[in-house]
Amino acid sequence: QVQLVESGGGLVQPGGSLRLSCLASGRRLSGNVMAWYRQAPGKEREWVATITDGGSTGYADSVKGRFTISRDNAKNTVYLQMASLKPEDTAVYFCHFVAINPAWGQGTQVTVSS
């Protein structure tokens, strides 16, 4: 079973940048689709971005052009580079292993505030 640990969250001012990391253990990520989701206070968890093993990506309209998902299979890690951050990006961000037996990380808090 894969275990996922996110890191890189924190407090950032509007317009700032952060890079989130998701380190996997227990199995190799290669061959699997990976995704990032987020959940803001009082709201449902929402999809942010997806990356296939081949590197194809997809983004929610709300983050398109500002966020970039990437992966390093050699390091068993997925990243989410976030730029031009807005207060509405404030949420707990979760890494997701997309599979028949899916897995989620514990999340990392991102707060965008001046």
C-alpha atoms as a PDB file:
ATOM      1  CA  GLN A   1       0.000   0.000   0.000  1.00  0.00           C
ATOM      2  CA  VAL A   2       1.312   3.431  -0.894  1.00  0.00           C
ATOM      3  CA  GLN A   3       1.757   6.127   1.734  1.00  0.00           C
ATOM      4  CA  LEU A   4       1.823   9.792   0.740  1.00  0.00           C
ATOM      5  CA  VAL A   5       3.314  12.683   2.687  1.00  0.00           C
ATOM      6  CA  GLU A   6       2.781  16.264   1.552  1.00  0.00           C
ATOM      7  CA  SER A   7       5.023  19.165   2.485  1.00  0.00           C
ATOM      8  CA  GLY A   8       5.747  22.726   1.471  1.00  0.00           C
ATOM      9  CA  GLY A   9       2.630  24.479   2.666  1.00  0.00           C
ATOM     10  CA  GLY A  10       2.660  27.678   4.653  1.00  0.00           C
ATOM     11  CA  LEU A  11       1.606  31.311   4.833  1.00  0.00           C
ATOM     12  CA  VAL A  12       2.202  33.424   1.745  1.00  0.00           C
ATOM     13  CA  GLN A  13       1.103  36.882   0.645  1.00  0.00           C
ATOM     14  CA  PRO A  14      -1.224  37.342  -2.332  1.00  0.00           C
ATOM     15  CA  GLY A  15       0.771  37.162  -5.530  1.00  0.00           C
ATOM     16  CA  GLY A  16       3.362  34.919  -3.938  1.00  0.00           C
ATOM     17  CA  SER A  17       4.477  31.400  -4.795  1.00  0.00           C
ATOM     18  CA  LEU A  18       4.814  28.044  -3.080  1.00  0.00           C
ATOM     19  CA  ARG A  19       5.904  24.595  -4.160  1.00  0.00           C
ATOM     20  CA  LEU A  20       4.207  21.598  -2.631  1.00  0.00           C
ATOM     21  CA  SER A  21       5.803  18.167  -2.622  1.00  0.00           C
ATOM     22  CA  CYS A  22       4.248  14.741  -2.234  1.00  0.00           C
ATOM     23  CA  LEU A  23       6.656  11.953  -1.345  1.00  0.00           C
ATOM     24  CA  ALA A  24       5.416   8.404  -1.802  1.00  0.00           C
ATOM     25  CA  SER A  25       6.581   5.264  -0.064  1.00  0.00           C
ATOM     26  CA  GLY A  26       5.468   1.656  -0.152  1.00  0.00           C
ATOM     27  CA  ARG A  27       5.412   1.365  -3.931  1.00  0.00           C
ATOM     28  CA  ARG A  28       6.677   3.121  -7.016  1.00  0.00           C
ATOM     29  CA  LEU A  29       4.558   5.903  -8.482  1.00  0.00           C
ATOM     30  CA  SER A  30       5.638   5.149 -12.031  1.00  0.00           C
ATOM     31  CA  GLY A  31       2.764   3.867 -14.120  1.00  0.00           C
ATOM     32  CA  ASN A  32       0.145   5.625 -12.037  1.00  0.00           C
ATOM     33  CA  VAL A  33      -1.825   8.803 -12.385  1.00  0.00           C
ATOM     34  CA  MET A  34      -1.303  11.296  -9.568  1.00  0.00           C
ATOM     35  CA  ALA A  35      -3.429  14.284  -8.593  1.00  0.00           C
ATOM     36  CA  TRP A  36      -3.707  17.207  -6.227  1.00  0.00           C
ATOM     37  CA  TYR A  37      -6.930  18.197  -4.515  1.00  0.00           C
ATOM     38  CA  ARG A  38      -7.730  20.929  -2.026  1.00  0.00           C
ATOM     39  CA  GLN A  39     -10.332  21.600   0.615  1.00  0.00           C
ATOM     40  CA  ALA A  40     -11.151  25.065   1.892  1.00  0.00           C
ATOM     41  CA  PRO A  41     -12.895  25.612   5.236  1.00  0.00           C
ATOM     42  CA  GLY A  42     -16.583  24.783   4.984  1.00  0.00           C
ATOM     43  CA  LYS A  43     -16.266  23.530   1.422  1.00  0.00           C
ATOM     44  CA  GLU A  44     -16.026  20.159  -0.262  1.00  0.00           C
ATOM     45  CA  ARG A  45     -12.733  18.777  -1.462  1.00  0.00           C
ATOM     46  CA  GLU A  46     -12.102  19.842  -5.053  1.00  0.00           C
ATOM     47  CA  TRP A  47      -9.805  18.622  -7.790  1.00  0.00           C
ATOM     48  CA  VAL A  48      -6.859  20.871  -8.652  1.00  0.00           C
ATOM     49  CA  ALA A  49      -4.588  19.065 -11.103  1.00  0.00           C
ATOM     50  CA  THR A  50      -3.684  15.668 -12.530  1.00  0.00           C
ATOM     51  CA  ILE A  51      -0.587  14.219 -14.151  1.00  0.00           C
ATOM     52  CA  THR A  52      -0.267  10.911 -15.983  1.00  0.00           C
ATOM     53  CA  ASP A  53       2.798   8.715 -15.975  1.00  0.00           C
ATOM     54  CA  GLY A  54       3.607  10.074 -19.420  1.00  0.00           C
ATOM     55  CA  GLY A  55       3.486  13.646 -18.176  1.00  0.00           C
ATOM     56  CA  SER A  56       0.132  14.730 -19.585  1.00  0.00           C
ATOM     57  CA  THR A  57      -1.510  17.251 -17.286  1.00  0.00           C
ATOM     58  CA  GLY A  58      -4.915  18.703 -16.564  1.00  0.00           C
ATOM     59  CA  TYR A  59      -5.970  21.616 -14.393  1.00  0.00           C
ATOM     60  CA  ALA A  60      -9.078  23.058 -12.824  1.00  0.00           C
ATOM     61  CA  ASP A  61     -10.108  26.308 -14.490  1.00  0.00           C
ATOM     62  CA  SER A  62      -9.536  28.163 -11.229  1.00  0.00           C
ATOM     63  CA  VAL A  63      -5.790  27.378 -11.245  1.00  0.00           C
ATOM     64  CA  LYS A  64      -5.010  27.048 -14.954  1.00  0.00           C
ATOM     65  CA  GLY A  65      -2.085  29.224 -15.934  1.00  0.00           C
ATOM     66  CA  ARG A  66      -0.979  29.692 -12.316  1.00  0.00           C
ATOM     67  CA  PHE A  67      -0.297  26.165 -11.034  1.00  0.00           C
ATOM     68  CA  THR A  68       1.978  23.519 -12.533  1.00  0.00           C
ATOM     69  CA  ILE A  69       1.928  19.850 -11.599  1.00  0.00           C
ATOM     70  CA  SER A  70       5.020  17.743 -12.231  1.00  0.00           C
ATOM     71  CA  ARG A  71       6.537  14.464 -11.149  1.00  0.00           C
ATOM     72  CA  ASP A  72       9.932  12.890 -10.627  1.00  0.00           C
ATOM     73  CA  ASN A  73       9.482   9.133 -10.718  1.00  0.00           C
ATOM     74  CA  ALA A  74      13.094   8.570  -9.742  1.00  0.00           C
ATOM     75  CA  LYS A  75      12.417  10.436  -6.502  1.00  0.00           C
ATOM     76  CA  ASN A  76       8.917   8.984  -6.175  1.00  0.00           C
ATOM     77  CA  THR A  77       7.638  12.524  -5.767  1.00  0.00           C
ATOM     78  CA  VAL A  78       4.935  14.707  -7.253  1.00  0.00           C
ATOM     79  CA  TYR A  79       5.021  18.489  -7.093  1.00  0.00           C
ATOM     80  CA  LEU A  80       2.591  21.351  -7.342  1.00  0.00           C
ATOM     81  CA  GLN A  81       4.184  24.683  -8.198  1.00  0.00           C
ATOM     82  CA  MET A  82       1.778  27.472  -7.307  1.00  0.00           C
ATOM     83  CA  ALA A  83       2.234  31.044  -8.483  1.00  0.00           C
ATOM     84  CA  SER A  84       0.191  34.245  -8.399  1.00  0.00           C
ATOM     85  CA  LEU A  85      -1.552  32.925  -5.336  1.00  0.00           C
ATOM     86  CA  LYS A  86      -4.883  34.400  -4.314  1.00  0.00           C
ATOM     87  CA  PRO A  87      -6.693  34.389  -0.965  1.00  0.00           C
ATOM     88  CA  GLU A  88      -9.225  31.984  -2.478  1.00  0.00           C
ATOM     89  CA  ASP A  89      -6.411  29.442  -2.917  1.00  0.00           C
ATOM     90  CA  THR A  90      -6.324  29.078   0.873  1.00  0.00           C
ATOM     91  CA  ALA A  91      -7.023  25.424   1.647  1.00  0.00           C
ATOM     92  CA  VAL A  92      -5.560  22.150   2.789  1.00  0.00           C
ATOM     93  CA  TYR A  93      -3.902  20.552  -0.222  1.00  0.00           C
ATOM     94  CA  PHE A  94      -3.953  16.792  -0.611  1.00  0.00           C
ATOM     95  CA  CYS A  95      -1.945  14.463  -2.800  1.00  0.00           C
ATOM     96  CA  HIS A  96      -3.909  11.604  -4.360  1.00  0.00           C
ATOM     97  CA  PHE A  97      -2.747   8.286  -5.768  1.00  0.00           C
ATOM     98  CA  VAL A  98      -5.275   7.420  -8.466  1.00  0.00           C
ATOM     99  CA  ALA A  99      -5.746   3.662  -8.530  1.00  0.00           C
ATOM    100  CA  ILE A 100      -8.185   0.829  -7.826  1.00  0.00           C
ATOM    101  CA  ASN A 101      -6.816   1.029  -4.285  1.00  0.00           C
ATOM    102  CA  PRO A 102      -6.426   4.804  -3.987  1.00  0.00           C
ATOM    103  CA  ALA A 103      -4.452   6.650  -1.369  1.00  0.00           C
ATOM    104  CA  TRP A 104      -4.472  10.139   0.106  1.00  0.00           C
ATOM    105  CA  GLY A 105      -1.896  12.089   2.029  1.00  0.00           C
ATOM    106  CA  GLN A 106      -2.654  13.871   5.284  1.00  0.00           C
ATOM    107  CA  GLY A 107      -2.650  17.268   3.601  1.00  0.00           C
ATOM    108  CA  THR A 108      -0.622  20.451   3.919  1.00  0.00           C
ATOM    109  CA  GLN A 109      -2.104  23.838   4.797  1.00  0.00           C
ATOM    110  CA  VAL A 110      -1.711  26.723   2.367  1.00  0.00           C
ATOM    111  CA  THR A 111      -2.806  30.132   3.595  1.00  0.00           C
ATOM    112  CA  VAL A 112      -2.762  33.140   1.282  1.00  0.00           C
ATOM    113  CA  SER A 113      -3.163  36.330   3.262  1.00  0.00           C
ATOM    114  CA  SER A 114      -1.630  39.743   3.693  1.00  0.00           C
END
